[in-house]
Each structure stands twice: as structure tokens, then as C-alpha cells.
Amino acid sequence: MTRGSVREYAAAVRERYRLASREEKGEILDEFERVTGYHRKAAIRLLTGKRERSTGRRGRPRRYSNLLQPLKVIWEASDRLCSKRLQPFIPEMARVMREQGEQHLDAGLEGQLCQMSAATIDRLLRPYRRLGIVT
């Protein structure tokens, strides 16, 4: 049997396999193995069809994605301080920004901004730093 004919046969049997009970599925698989010569697991994969891939992002959810813009503003206002020196300066700058009405930061976002570690600041600002030696 050619691959094309196996696929055609699988397409013909697929609906019957999907609606079958457990015992009937076993019989359908036995028949499919005899006719095509495929192994049982390969037959199961062909008859169940393709799985849908998840479209969502895997892994841990992002925590600081909505704080990037206020962090960039603070970083630029501080004349691009390094993260170790910028981090203790953030609560004061966030307060000033809130009083001046420059950035809209609610209490939760401001708290997250103040809790952010120096390493996280470095990771978030990495794409915006100039490459090379800075004197």
C-alpha cells in the first residue's frame, strides 16, 4: 500500500474510529494493522488526527511587562544610571512622577516598581542600553 492510499484509508476509517467504543476501537486498530501493515501506535496516531497546538505562551506569566514604560522614563530622567544605583532611587522618582502627573501609576504598579530588583531592572532595560564601552 502506498502512503497516499494509507492516508485515504485512514480518512475513511477516522470517523468510525472516533465514534467507536473502546472494544470497537481495538477491532478497528486490528483491521487497520492487517490492511496497512502499520504498527499499532502509528495507526492510533493516524486515526486520532492531528492535535491542536496551544497558541498561548508557556511558562511562568510575565510580572513586570506593564512597568517597562515608567521604568524607562525613570531611567532616562536619572541620566541612565546603572541598575544598582537606580533601584534605591525609584520610590522617590515614582512619587515625583505621580505628583507631577507625568505617568499614571496606581498603587499596585508603583509597589511593584519599588520592589523590582536590580537584576530585573537590568533585564528589562537591556534592549535599550547602548552597546560598547561607556566612559
N, C-alpha and C. Protein backbone atom coordinates (compact mmCIF):
# COMPACT_ATOMS: atom_id res chain seq x y z
N MET A 1 0.84 -1.19 0.00
CA MET A 1 0.00 0.00 0.00
C MET A 1 0.89 1.24 0.00
N THR A 2 0.56 2.22 -0.82
CA THR A 2 1.32 3.46 -0.84
C THR A 2 0.87 4.36 0.31
N ARG A 3 1.69 5.37 0.58
CA ARG A 3 1.33 6.29 1.68
C ARG A 3 0.03 7.02 1.39
N GLY A 4 -0.14 7.42 0.17
CA GLY A 4 -1.38 8.11 -0.20
C GLY A 4 -2.61 7.26 0.02
N SER A 5 -2.52 5.99 -0.35
CA SER A 5 -3.67 5.11 -0.15
C SER A 5 -3.90 4.82 1.33
N VAL A 6 -2.81 4.77 2.12
CA VAL A 6 -2.96 4.58 3.57
C VAL A 6 -3.68 5.78 4.17
N ARG A 7 -3.31 6.98 3.72
CA ARG A 7 -3.96 8.20 4.24
C ARG A 7 -5.43 8.23 3.85
N GLU A 8 -5.73 7.84 2.64
CA GLU A 8 -7.13 7.79 2.21
C GLU A 8 -7.92 6.79 3.05
N TYR A 9 -7.32 5.63 3.29
CA TYR A 9 -7.98 4.61 4.10
C TYR A 9 -8.18 5.12 5.52
N ALA A 10 -7.14 5.80 6.07
CA ALA A 10 -7.25 6.35 7.42
C ALA A 10 -8.35 7.39 7.50
N ALA A 11 -8.46 8.23 6.48
CA ALA A 11 -9.51 9.25 6.46
C ALA A 11 -10.89 8.61 6.43
N ALA A 12 -11.01 7.47 5.72
CA ALA A 12 -12.30 6.78 5.64
C ALA A 12 -12.66 6.14 6.97
N VAL A 13 -11.66 5.65 7.71
CA VAL A 13 -11.91 4.93 8.96
C VAL A 13 -11.97 5.87 10.16
N ARG A 14 -11.41 7.09 10.03
CA ARG A 14 -11.23 8.01 11.16
C ARG A 14 -12.54 8.31 11.89
N GLU A 15 -13.60 8.62 11.20
CA GLU A 15 -14.88 8.96 11.84
C GLU A 15 -15.46 7.76 12.58
N ARG A 16 -15.37 6.59 11.97
CA ARG A 16 -15.85 5.37 12.62
C ARG A 16 -15.04 5.11 13.89
N TYR A 17 -13.73 5.35 13.84
CA TYR A 17 -12.85 5.15 15.00
C TYR A 17 -13.20 6.13 16.11
N ARG A 18 -13.46 7.38 15.73
CA ARG A 18 -13.76 8.42 16.72
C ARG A 18 -15.04 8.11 17.49
N LEU A 19 -16.03 7.55 16.82
CA LEU A 19 -17.32 7.28 17.45
C LEU A 19 -17.39 5.92 18.13
N ALA A 20 -16.37 5.09 17.97
CA ALA A 20 -16.40 3.71 18.47
C ALA A 20 -16.14 3.65 19.97
N SER A 21 -16.62 2.55 20.59
CA SER A 21 -16.31 2.29 21.99
C SER A 21 -14.89 1.74 22.09
N ARG A 22 -14.44 1.50 23.29
CA ARG A 22 -13.07 1.02 23.49
C ARG A 22 -12.83 -0.33 22.80
N GLU A 23 -13.77 -1.24 22.92
CA GLU A 23 -13.61 -2.56 22.30
C GLU A 23 -13.62 -2.45 20.78
N GLU A 24 -14.54 -1.63 20.27
CA GLU A 24 -14.62 -1.45 18.82
C GLU A 24 -13.36 -0.79 18.27
N LYS A 25 -12.78 0.12 19.05
CA LYS A 25 -11.53 0.76 18.62
C LYS A 25 -10.42 -0.27 18.48
N GLY A 26 -10.38 -1.22 19.40
CA GLY A 26 -9.39 -2.29 19.31
C GLY A 26 -9.56 -3.10 18.04
N GLU A 27 -10.81 -3.41 17.70
CA GLU A 27 -11.08 -4.17 16.47
C GLU A 27 -10.71 -3.36 15.23
N ILE A 28 -11.03 -2.06 15.25
CA ILE A 28 -10.69 -1.21 14.11
C ILE A 28 -9.17 -1.13 13.95
N LEU A 29 -8.45 -1.03 15.07
CA LEU A 29 -6.99 -0.97 15.01
C LEU A 29 -6.42 -2.28 14.47
N ASP A 30 -6.97 -3.41 14.92
CA ASP A 30 -6.52 -4.71 14.40
C ASP A 30 -6.70 -4.77 12.88
N GLU A 31 -7.86 -4.35 12.43
CA GLU A 31 -8.15 -4.35 10.99
C GLU A 31 -7.18 -3.42 10.25
N PHE A 32 -6.95 -2.23 10.82
CA PHE A 32 -6.06 -1.25 10.19
C PHE A 32 -4.64 -1.79 10.09
N GLU A 33 -4.19 -2.48 11.16
CA GLU A 33 -2.85 -3.09 11.15
C GLU A 33 -2.73 -4.14 10.05
N ARG A 34 -3.76 -5.00 9.94
CA ARG A 34 -3.73 -6.06 8.93
C ARG A 34 -3.69 -5.49 7.51
N VAL A 35 -4.52 -4.48 7.28
CA VAL A 35 -4.64 -3.93 5.93
C VAL A 35 -3.39 -3.14 5.53
N THR A 36 -2.88 -2.30 6.45
CA THR A 36 -1.79 -1.39 6.08
C THR A 36 -0.41 -1.89 6.45
N GLY A 37 -0.32 -2.76 7.46
CA GLY A 37 0.98 -3.20 7.94
C GLY A 37 1.62 -2.22 8.91
N TYR A 38 0.89 -1.19 9.33
CA TYR A 38 1.41 -0.21 10.28
C TYR A 38 1.41 -0.79 11.69
N HIS A 39 2.31 -0.29 12.54
CA HIS A 39 2.30 -0.67 13.95
C HIS A 39 1.10 0.00 14.63
N ARG A 40 0.76 -0.54 15.78
CA ARG A 40 -0.46 -0.10 16.46
C ARG A 40 -0.40 1.38 16.84
N LYS A 41 0.73 1.83 17.40
CA LYS A 41 0.84 3.23 17.83
C LYS A 41 0.77 4.18 16.63
N ALA A 42 1.38 3.78 15.52
CA ALA A 42 1.32 4.61 14.32
C ALA A 42 -0.11 4.68 13.81
N ALA A 43 -0.82 3.58 13.90
CA ALA A 43 -2.23 3.56 13.47
C ALA A 43 -3.07 4.47 14.36
N ILE A 44 -2.81 4.42 15.66
CA ILE A 44 -3.55 5.28 16.60
C ILE A 44 -3.32 6.74 16.26
N ARG A 45 -2.04 7.11 16.00
CA ARG A 45 -1.73 8.50 15.66
C ARG A 45 -2.44 8.93 14.38
N LEU A 46 -2.48 8.05 13.40
CA LEU A 46 -3.16 8.39 12.15
C LEU A 46 -4.66 8.54 12.33
N LEU A 47 -5.24 7.69 13.14
CA LEU A 47 -6.70 7.69 13.27
C LEU A 47 -7.23 8.76 14.22
N THR A 48 -6.43 9.18 15.18
CA THR A 48 -6.90 10.22 16.09
C THR A 48 -6.79 11.60 15.48
N GLY A 49 -6.01 11.75 14.44
CA GLY A 49 -5.88 13.05 13.79
C GLY A 49 -4.82 13.90 14.45
N LYS A 50 -4.64 15.09 13.93
CA LYS A 50 -3.60 15.98 14.45
C LYS A 50 -4.09 16.68 15.70
N ARG A 51 -3.19 16.84 16.63
CA ARG A 51 -3.51 17.59 17.84
C ARG A 51 -3.36 19.07 17.56
N GLU A 52 -4.19 19.84 18.21
CA GLU A 52 -4.08 21.28 18.08
C GLU A 52 -2.99 21.77 19.03
N ARG A 53 -2.12 22.59 18.50
CA ARG A 53 -1.08 23.15 19.35
C ARG A 53 -1.64 24.32 20.14
N SER A 54 -1.16 24.46 21.34
CA SER A 54 -1.63 25.58 22.14
C SER A 54 -0.99 26.85 21.60
N THR A 55 -1.76 27.90 21.54
CA THR A 55 -1.25 29.15 20.99
C THR A 55 -0.73 30.07 22.08
N GLY A 56 -1.04 29.77 23.32
CA GLY A 56 -0.62 30.63 24.40
C GLY A 56 0.85 30.49 24.74
N ARG A 57 1.35 31.45 25.45
CA ARG A 57 2.74 31.44 25.89
C ARG A 57 2.88 30.46 27.03
N ARG A 58 3.92 29.62 26.95
CA ARG A 58 4.14 28.64 28.00
C ARG A 58 5.00 29.25 29.09
N GLY A 59 4.98 28.60 30.24
CA GLY A 59 5.86 29.02 31.32
C GLY A 59 5.21 30.00 32.27
N ARG A 60 6.06 30.58 33.06
CA ARG A 60 5.62 31.50 34.09
C ARG A 60 5.08 32.80 33.48
N PRO A 61 3.99 33.34 34.01
CA PRO A 61 3.45 34.57 33.43
C PRO A 61 4.37 35.77 33.69
N ARG A 62 4.37 36.71 32.77
CA ARG A 62 5.20 37.90 32.93
C ARG A 62 4.66 38.75 34.07
N ARG A 63 5.59 39.32 34.83
CA ARG A 63 5.20 40.06 36.01
C ARG A 63 5.31 41.58 35.82
N TYR A 64 6.33 42.01 35.09
CA TYR A 64 6.62 43.43 35.01
C TYR A 64 6.42 44.02 33.62
N SER A 65 5.70 43.36 32.74
CA SER A 65 5.60 43.83 31.35
C SER A 65 4.95 45.22 31.25
N ASN A 66 4.01 45.53 32.13
CA ASN A 66 3.34 46.83 32.06
C ASN A 66 4.11 47.93 32.78
N LEU A 67 5.27 47.60 33.37
CA LEU A 67 6.08 48.60 34.07
C LEU A 67 7.27 49.07 33.25
N LEU A 68 7.41 48.58 32.05
CA LEU A 68 8.58 48.92 31.25
C LEU A 68 8.61 50.41 30.91
N GLN A 69 7.49 50.97 30.51
CA GLN A 69 7.47 52.39 30.12
C GLN A 69 7.80 53.31 31.30
N PRO A 70 7.16 53.15 32.47
CA PRO A 70 7.54 54.01 33.60
C PRO A 70 9.00 53.82 34.01
N LEU A 71 9.49 52.57 33.94
CA LEU A 71 10.89 52.31 34.28
C LEU A 71 11.83 53.02 33.32
N LYS A 72 11.50 53.01 32.03
CA LYS A 72 12.32 53.71 31.04
C LYS A 72 12.34 55.22 31.30
N VAL A 73 11.19 55.77 31.68
CA VAL A 73 11.12 57.21 31.96
C VAL A 73 12.00 57.55 33.16
N ILE A 74 11.92 56.74 34.21
CA ILE A 74 12.74 56.98 35.40
C ILE A 74 14.22 56.83 35.06
N TRP A 75 14.54 55.83 34.27
CA TRP A 75 15.93 55.57 33.89
C TRP A 75 16.49 56.75 33.08
N GLU A 76 15.70 57.25 32.12
CA GLU A 76 16.15 58.39 31.32
C GLU A 76 16.27 59.64 32.19
N ALA A 77 15.33 59.84 33.12
CA ALA A 77 15.36 61.02 33.98
C ALA A 77 16.56 61.00 34.92
N SER A 78 17.03 59.81 35.26
CA SER A 78 18.19 59.69 36.16
C SER A 78 19.50 59.68 35.38
N ASP A 79 19.44 60.05 34.10
CA ASP A 79 20.61 60.08 33.22
C ASP A 79 21.21 58.69 33.05
N ARG A 80 20.32 57.71 32.91
CA ARG A 80 20.68 56.32 32.62
C ARG A 80 21.64 55.72 33.66
N LEU A 81 21.25 55.85 34.91
CA LEU A 81 22.03 55.23 35.98
C LEU A 81 22.06 53.72 35.83
N CYS A 82 23.10 53.09 36.38
CA CYS A 82 23.12 51.63 36.39
C CYS A 82 22.04 51.14 37.36
N SER A 83 21.66 49.90 37.22
CA SER A 83 20.51 49.39 37.97
C SER A 83 20.76 49.37 39.48
N LYS A 84 21.99 49.14 39.89
CA LYS A 84 22.29 49.09 41.33
C LYS A 84 22.08 50.46 41.97
N ARG A 85 22.39 51.52 41.24
CA ARG A 85 22.20 52.87 41.77
C ARG A 85 20.79 53.38 41.52
N LEU A 86 20.17 52.88 40.46
CA LEU A 86 18.82 53.33 40.11
C LEU A 86 17.78 52.76 41.07
N GLN A 87 17.96 51.53 41.50
CA GLN A 87 16.95 50.83 42.29
C GLN A 87 16.55 51.56 43.58
N PRO A 88 17.49 52.09 44.39
CA PRO A 88 17.04 52.83 45.59
C PRO A 88 16.39 54.18 45.25
N PHE A 89 16.63 54.67 44.05
CA PHE A 89 16.14 55.97 43.60
C PHE A 89 14.71 55.89 43.06
N ILE A 90 14.24 54.69 42.75
CA ILE A 90 12.94 54.50 42.09
C ILE A 90 11.75 54.98 42.95
N PRO A 91 11.66 54.67 44.26
CA PRO A 91 10.48 55.13 45.01
C PRO A 91 10.32 56.65 45.00
N GLU A 92 11.44 57.37 45.13
CA GLU A 92 11.38 58.83 45.11
C GLU A 92 10.92 59.34 43.74
N MET A 93 11.48 58.76 42.68
CA MET A 93 11.11 59.19 41.33
C MET A 93 9.65 58.84 41.02
N ALA A 94 9.18 57.70 41.49
CA ALA A 94 7.78 57.31 41.25
C ALA A 94 6.84 58.29 41.95
N ARG A 95 7.23 58.71 43.15
CA ARG A 95 6.42 59.69 43.89
C ARG A 95 6.37 61.02 43.15
N VAL A 96 7.52 61.47 42.67
CA VAL A 96 7.58 62.73 41.93
C VAL A 96 6.77 62.64 40.64
N MET A 97 6.88 61.52 39.94
CA MET A 97 6.13 61.34 38.70
C MET A 97 4.63 61.36 38.97
N ARG A 98 4.22 60.74 40.07
CA ARG A 98 2.80 60.72 40.41
C ARG A 98 2.31 62.13 40.75
N GLU A 99 3.12 62.89 41.51
CA GLU A 99 2.73 64.25 41.88
C GLU A 99 2.68 65.18 40.67
N GLN A 100 3.61 65.01 39.74
CA GLN A 100 3.66 65.85 38.55
C GLN A 100 2.63 65.43 37.50
N GLY A 101 2.07 64.23 37.65
CA GLY A 101 1.08 63.73 36.70
C GLY A 101 1.69 63.27 35.39
N GLU A 102 2.99 62.99 35.39
CA GLU A 102 3.67 62.56 34.16
C GLU A 102 3.28 61.16 33.75
N GLN A 103 3.32 60.24 34.65
CA GLN A 103 2.97 58.84 34.35
C GLN A 103 1.82 58.44 35.26
N HIS A 104 0.89 57.70 34.70
CA HIS A 104 -0.23 57.21 35.50
C HIS A 104 0.19 55.89 36.15
N LEU A 105 0.47 55.94 37.45
CA LEU A 105 0.84 54.74 38.20
C LEU A 105 -0.13 54.58 39.36
N ASP A 106 -0.85 53.48 39.38
CA ASP A 106 -1.69 53.23 40.54
C ASP A 106 -0.82 52.63 41.65
N ALA A 107 -1.39 52.44 42.81
CA ALA A 107 -0.61 51.99 43.97
C ALA A 107 0.01 50.62 43.75
N GLY A 108 -0.71 49.72 43.10
CA GLY A 108 -0.18 48.37 42.85
C GLY A 108 1.03 48.39 41.94
N LEU A 109 0.93 49.16 40.85
CA LEU A 109 2.06 49.25 39.92
C LEU A 109 3.25 49.95 40.55
N GLU A 110 2.98 50.97 41.33
CA GLU A 110 4.07 51.68 41.99
C GLU A 110 4.77 50.77 43.00
N GLY A 111 3.99 49.95 43.71
CA GLY A 111 4.58 49.00 44.64
C GLY A 111 5.44 47.98 43.93
N GLN A 112 4.97 47.48 42.78
CA GLN A 112 5.78 46.54 42.00
C GLN A 112 7.05 47.19 41.51
N LEU A 113 6.95 48.43 41.07
CA LEU A 113 8.12 49.15 40.57
C LEU A 113 9.15 49.33 41.68
N CYS A 114 8.69 49.60 42.89
CA CYS A 114 9.61 49.79 44.01
C CYS A 114 10.22 48.48 44.49
N GLN A 115 9.54 47.36 44.29
CA GLN A 115 10.05 46.06 44.73
C GLN A 115 11.00 45.43 43.72
N MET A 116 11.07 45.97 42.53
CA MET A 116 11.85 45.37 41.45
C MET A 116 13.34 45.34 41.82
N SER A 117 13.96 44.19 41.59
CA SER A 117 15.38 44.04 41.92
C SER A 117 16.24 44.66 40.84
N ALA A 118 17.52 44.88 41.19
CA ALA A 118 18.46 45.47 40.24
C ALA A 118 18.66 44.55 39.03
N ALA A 119 18.68 43.24 39.26
CA ALA A 119 18.86 42.30 38.15
C ALA A 119 17.67 42.35 37.19
N THR A 120 16.46 42.49 37.72
CA THR A 120 15.28 42.59 36.88
C THR A 120 15.31 43.89 36.08
N ILE A 121 15.74 44.96 36.71
CA ILE A 121 15.88 46.24 36.00
C ILE A 121 16.86 46.08 34.84
N ASP A 122 17.99 45.42 35.10
CA ASP A 122 18.96 45.18 34.03
C ASP A 122 18.35 44.38 32.89
N ARG A 123 17.59 43.33 33.21
CA ARG A 123 16.98 42.51 32.17
C ARG A 123 15.98 43.30 31.34
N LEU A 124 15.18 44.14 31.99
CA LEU A 124 14.16 44.90 31.26
C LEU A 124 14.76 46.01 30.41
N LEU A 125 15.86 46.61 30.88
CA LEU A 125 16.45 47.73 30.15
C LEU A 125 17.53 47.30 29.16
N ARG A 126 17.88 46.01 29.14
CA ARG A 126 18.95 45.54 28.25
C ARG A 126 18.75 45.94 26.79
N PRO A 127 17.54 45.82 26.22
CA PRO A 127 17.41 46.19 24.80
C PRO A 127 17.63 47.68 24.53
N TYR A 128 17.54 48.52 25.55
CA TYR A 128 17.62 49.96 25.36
C TYR A 128 19.00 50.53 25.69
N ARG A 129 19.86 49.72 26.27
CA ARG A 129 21.20 50.20 26.60
C ARG A 129 22.06 50.26 25.34
N ARG A 130 22.96 51.21 25.31
CA ARG A 130 23.87 51.33 24.19
C ARG A 130 24.93 50.25 24.33
N LEU A 131 25.29 49.62 23.22
CA LEU A 131 26.31 48.58 23.24
C LEU A 131 27.70 49.21 23.22
N GLY A 132 28.65 48.55 23.84
CA GLY A 132 30.03 49.01 23.81
C GLY A 132 30.45 49.60 25.14
N ILE A 133 31.67 50.11 25.16
CA ILE A 133 32.23 50.67 26.39
C ILE A 133 31.75 52.11 26.54
N VAL A 134 31.25 52.42 27.72
CA VAL A 134 30.79 53.77 28.00
C VAL A 134 31.73 54.36 29.02
N THR A 135 32.26 55.54 28.73
CA THR A 135 33.21 56.17 29.66
C THR A 135 32.59 57.33 30.36
